[in-house]
N, C-alpha and C. Protein backbone atom coordinates (compact mmCIF):
# COMPACT_ATOMS: atom_id res chain seq x y z
N MET A 1 -57.18 114.35 -22.59
CA MET A 1 -57.68 115.63 -23.12
C MET A 1 -58.41 116.86 -21.94
N PRO A 2 -58.23 117.66 -21.64
CA PRO A 2 -58.70 118.05 -20.65
C PRO A 2 -60.74 118.28 -20.92
N ARG A 3 -62.14 118.40 -19.44
CA ARG A 3 -63.10 118.97 -20.28
C ARG A 3 -63.05 120.61 -20.62
N TYR A 4 -61.78 121.32 -20.26
CA TYR A 4 -61.88 122.61 -20.23
C TYR A 4 -60.43 122.97 -20.41
N GLU A 5 -59.90 123.83 -21.48
CA GLU A 5 -58.82 125.05 -21.17
C GLU A 5 -58.98 126.01 -21.17
N PHE A 6 -58.02 126.59 -20.57
CA PHE A 6 -57.91 128.30 -19.73
C PHE A 6 -56.75 128.33 -19.50
N GLU A 7 -56.99 129.88 -20.14
CA GLU A 7 -55.84 131.07 -20.10
C GLU A 7 -55.61 131.39 -19.12
N VAL A 8 -54.19 131.85 -18.09
CA VAL A 8 -54.57 133.21 -16.42
C VAL A 8 -54.61 133.81 -17.28
N VAL A 9 -55.64 134.65 -16.62
CA VAL A 9 -56.42 136.46 -17.01
C VAL A 9 -55.19 136.88 -16.49
N GLU A 10 -55.58 136.89 -14.65
CA GLU A 10 -54.26 137.46 -13.91
C GLU A 10 -54.50 136.62 -12.40
N GLU A 11 -53.29 136.66 -11.38
CA GLU A 11 -52.98 136.11 -10.75
C GLU A 11 -52.59 136.86 -9.69
N TYR A 12 -53.55 136.55 -8.70
CA TYR A 12 -52.96 138.01 -8.16
C TYR A 12 -53.69 137.55 -5.45
N PHE A 13 -53.39 138.67 -4.76
CA PHE A 13 -53.65 138.62 -3.39
C PHE A 13 -54.52 139.30 -3.34
N LEU A 14 -55.13 138.54 -2.78
CA LEU A 14 -56.88 139.92 -2.54
C LEU A 14 -57.30 139.65 -0.92
N ASN A 15 -57.09 140.32 0.43
CA ASN A 15 -57.63 140.03 1.78
C ASN A 15 -56.87 139.07 2.33
N GLY A 16 -55.30 138.24 2.10
CA GLY A 16 -54.90 136.89 2.10
C GLY A 16 -54.76 135.81 1.26
N GLU A 17 -55.95 135.42 0.58
CA GLU A 17 -56.72 134.83 -0.43
C GLU A 17 -55.79 134.69 -1.47
N HIS A 18 -54.76 133.92 -2.40
CA HIS A 18 -54.52 133.79 -3.91
C HIS A 18 -55.11 133.60 -4.63
N ARG A 19 -55.69 134.75 -5.76
CA ARG A 19 -56.51 134.43 -6.33
C ARG A 19 -56.19 134.53 -8.09
N TYR A 20 -57.94 133.47 -8.85
CA TYR A 20 -57.60 133.76 -10.08
C TYR A 20 -57.97 133.92 -11.42
N ARG A 21 -57.93 134.46 -11.70
CA ARG A 21 -59.00 134.75 -13.31
C ARG A 21 -58.70 134.18 -14.27
N LEU A 22 -59.29 132.91 -14.46
CA LEU A 22 -59.36 132.22 -15.90
C LEU A 22 -60.33 132.34 -16.92
N ARG A 23 -59.61 132.49 -17.91
CA ARG A 23 -60.58 133.01 -19.09
C ARG A 23 -60.36 131.07 -20.03
N VAL A 24 -61.27 130.45 -20.42
CA VAL A 24 -61.52 129.93 -20.70
C VAL A 24 -61.41 129.57 -22.86
N LYS A 25 -60.10 129.38 -22.96
CA LYS A 25 -60.10 129.36 -24.91
C LYS A 25 -60.72 129.22 -25.25
N GLY A 26 -60.85 130.66 -26.55
CA GLY A 26 -61.89 130.23 -27.11
C GLY A 26 -63.28 131.28 -27.52
N THR A 27 -63.52 131.36 -25.62
CA THR A 27 -64.53 132.16 -25.02
C THR A 27 -63.95 133.31 -24.12
N ASN A 28 -65.43 134.31 -24.21
CA ASN A 28 -65.23 135.45 -23.00
C ASN A 28 -65.14 134.92 -21.62
N VAL A 29 -65.52 133.37 -22.04
CA VAL A 29 -65.68 133.44 -20.43
C VAL A 29 -65.02 133.38 -19.06
N ILE A 30 -64.56 133.54 -18.44
CA ILE A 30 -63.87 134.22 -17.37
C ILE A 30 -64.64 133.41 -15.88
N VAL A 31 -63.22 133.32 -15.28
CA VAL A 31 -63.95 132.80 -13.20
C VAL A 31 -62.97 133.09 -12.96
N ASN A 32 -63.38 133.51 -11.94
CA ASN A 32 -62.64 133.62 -10.53
C ASN A 32 -62.77 133.36 -10.12
N VAL A 33 -61.56 132.38 -9.59
CA VAL A 33 -61.08 131.14 -7.74
C VAL A 33 -60.31 131.83 -7.28
N SER A 34 -60.42 131.41 -6.35
CA SER A 34 -59.63 131.51 -5.01
C SER A 34 -58.75 129.86 -5.12
N ALA A 35 -57.57 129.96 -4.71
CA ALA A 35 -56.66 128.46 -4.71
C ALA A 35 -55.12 128.56 -4.86
N ASP A 36 -54.75 127.68 -3.58
CA ASP A 36 -53.58 127.85 -3.39
C ASP A 36 -52.54 127.54 -4.97
N THR A 37 -52.37 127.32 -6.09
CA THR A 37 -52.19 127.06 -6.88
C THR A 37 -52.38 126.56 -8.69
N LEU A 38 -52.12 126.90 -9.10
CA LEU A 38 -52.98 126.83 -10.23
C LEU A 38 -53.70 125.25 -11.47
N ASP A 39 -52.81 125.12 -10.81
CA ASP A 39 -53.70 123.07 -10.85
C ASP A 39 -55.52 123.19 -10.02
N GLU A 40 -55.38 123.44 -8.63
CA GLU A 40 -56.43 123.87 -7.87
C GLU A 40 -57.29 125.04 -8.58
N ALA A 41 -57.44 125.56 -9.45
CA ALA A 41 -57.37 127.19 -9.66
C ALA A 41 -58.40 126.06 -10.62
N ALA A 42 -57.75 125.37 -11.80
CA ALA A 42 -58.52 125.12 -13.07
C ALA A 42 -59.69 123.71 -12.37
N SER A 43 -59.46 123.25 -11.31
CA SER A 43 -60.56 122.42 -10.87
C SER A 43 -60.99 122.69 -10.60
N LYS A 44 -61.39 123.59 -10.15
CA LYS A 44 -62.17 124.84 -9.10
C LYS A 44 -63.28 125.73 -9.69
N ALA A 45 -62.11 125.88 -10.94
CA ALA A 45 -63.28 126.88 -11.71
C ALA A 45 -63.60 125.79 -13.15
N ALA A 46 -63.56 124.15 -13.00
CA ALA A 46 -63.70 123.30 -14.46
C ALA A 46 -65.12 122.77 -13.15
N GLY A 47 -65.45 123.16 -11.99
CA GLY A 47 -66.62 122.37 -11.18
C GLY A 47 -67.49 123.45 -11.08
N LEU A 48 -67.60 125.13 -10.64
CA LEU A 48 -68.39 126.22 -11.35
C LEU A 48 -68.86 125.93 -13.04
N LEU A 49 -67.89 125.55 -13.98
CA LEU A 49 -68.77 126.09 -15.03
C LEU A 49 -69.07 124.53 -15.23
N ASP A 50 -69.50 123.32 -14.65
CA ASP A 50 -69.75 122.22 -14.91
C ASP A 50 -70.91 122.55 -14.70
N LYS A 51 -71.15 122.65 -12.65
CA LYS A 51 -72.55 123.45 -12.21
C LYS A 51 -73.42 124.16 -12.33
N THR A 52 -72.16 125.02 -12.74
CA THR A 52 -74.05 126.36 -13.62
C THR A 52 -73.93 125.93 -14.69
N LYS A 53 -73.55 125.28 -15.87
CA LYS A 53 -73.54 125.03 -16.88
C LYS A 53 -73.66 125.94 -17.88
N ALA A 54 -73.44 127.17 -17.41
CA ALA A 54 -73.07 128.27 -17.92
C ALA A 54 -72.47 127.92 -19.45
N TYR A 55 -71.48 126.90 -19.42
CA TYR A 55 -70.14 126.90 -20.50
C TYR A 55 -70.99 126.37 -21.57
N ARG A 56 -71.83 124.94 -21.72
CA ARG A 56 -73.44 124.18 -22.22
C ARG A 56 -73.58 125.63 -23.22
N GLN A 57 -74.46 126.48 -22.74
CA GLN A 57 -74.90 127.33 -22.71
C GLN A 57 -73.74 128.62 -24.60
N PHE A 58 -73.02 128.14 -24.00
CA PHE A 58 -71.88 129.59 -24.73
C PHE A 58 -71.88 128.65 -25.83
N LYS A 59 -71.26 127.35 -25.79
CA LYS A 59 -71.14 125.95 -26.86
C LYS A 59 -72.33 125.91 -27.49
N GLY A 60 -73.11 125.92 -27.27
CA GLY A 60 -74.45 124.94 -28.22
C GLY A 60 -74.20 123.69 -27.16
N GLY A 61 -75.06 122.55 -27.03
CA GLY A 61 -75.29 120.68 -26.59
C GLY A 61 -76.46 120.72 -26.30
N PRO A 62 -76.71 119.85 -25.25
CA PRO A 62 -77.39 119.50 -25.01
C PRO A 62 -78.78 119.92 -24.34
N ASP A 63 -78.35 120.67 -23.00
CA ASP A 63 -79.00 122.05 -22.69
C ASP A 63 -78.81 123.03 -23.09
N GLY A 64 -77.78 123.01 -24.51
CA GLY A 64 -77.76 124.56 -24.42
C GLY A 64 -77.82 125.19 -25.83
N ALA A 65 -78.82 123.79 -26.31
CA ALA A 65 -78.53 124.33 -28.08
C ALA A 65 -79.12 125.30 -28.58
N GLN A 66 -78.04 125.20 -29.85
CA GLN A 66 -78.34 126.49 -30.56
C GLN A 66 -78.83 126.67 -32.21
N GLY A 67 -79.53 126.81 -32.03
CA GLY A 67 -79.68 126.62 -33.80
C GLY A 67 -80.86 128.34 -34.34
């Protein structure tokens, strides 16, 4: 099972780049990435969320416990 489930908000070209805006399902978190394919965009978005640890802050957990 994937770490994150994304919904495509927008797919567009800007300055010669293919870009995607992806929303993490069940949240209002949107990630904007440049990628050639949707799979690459999802991989980049997941990496960005892991790197920033932002997702854990919204969902709660070891680094973002809510209570």
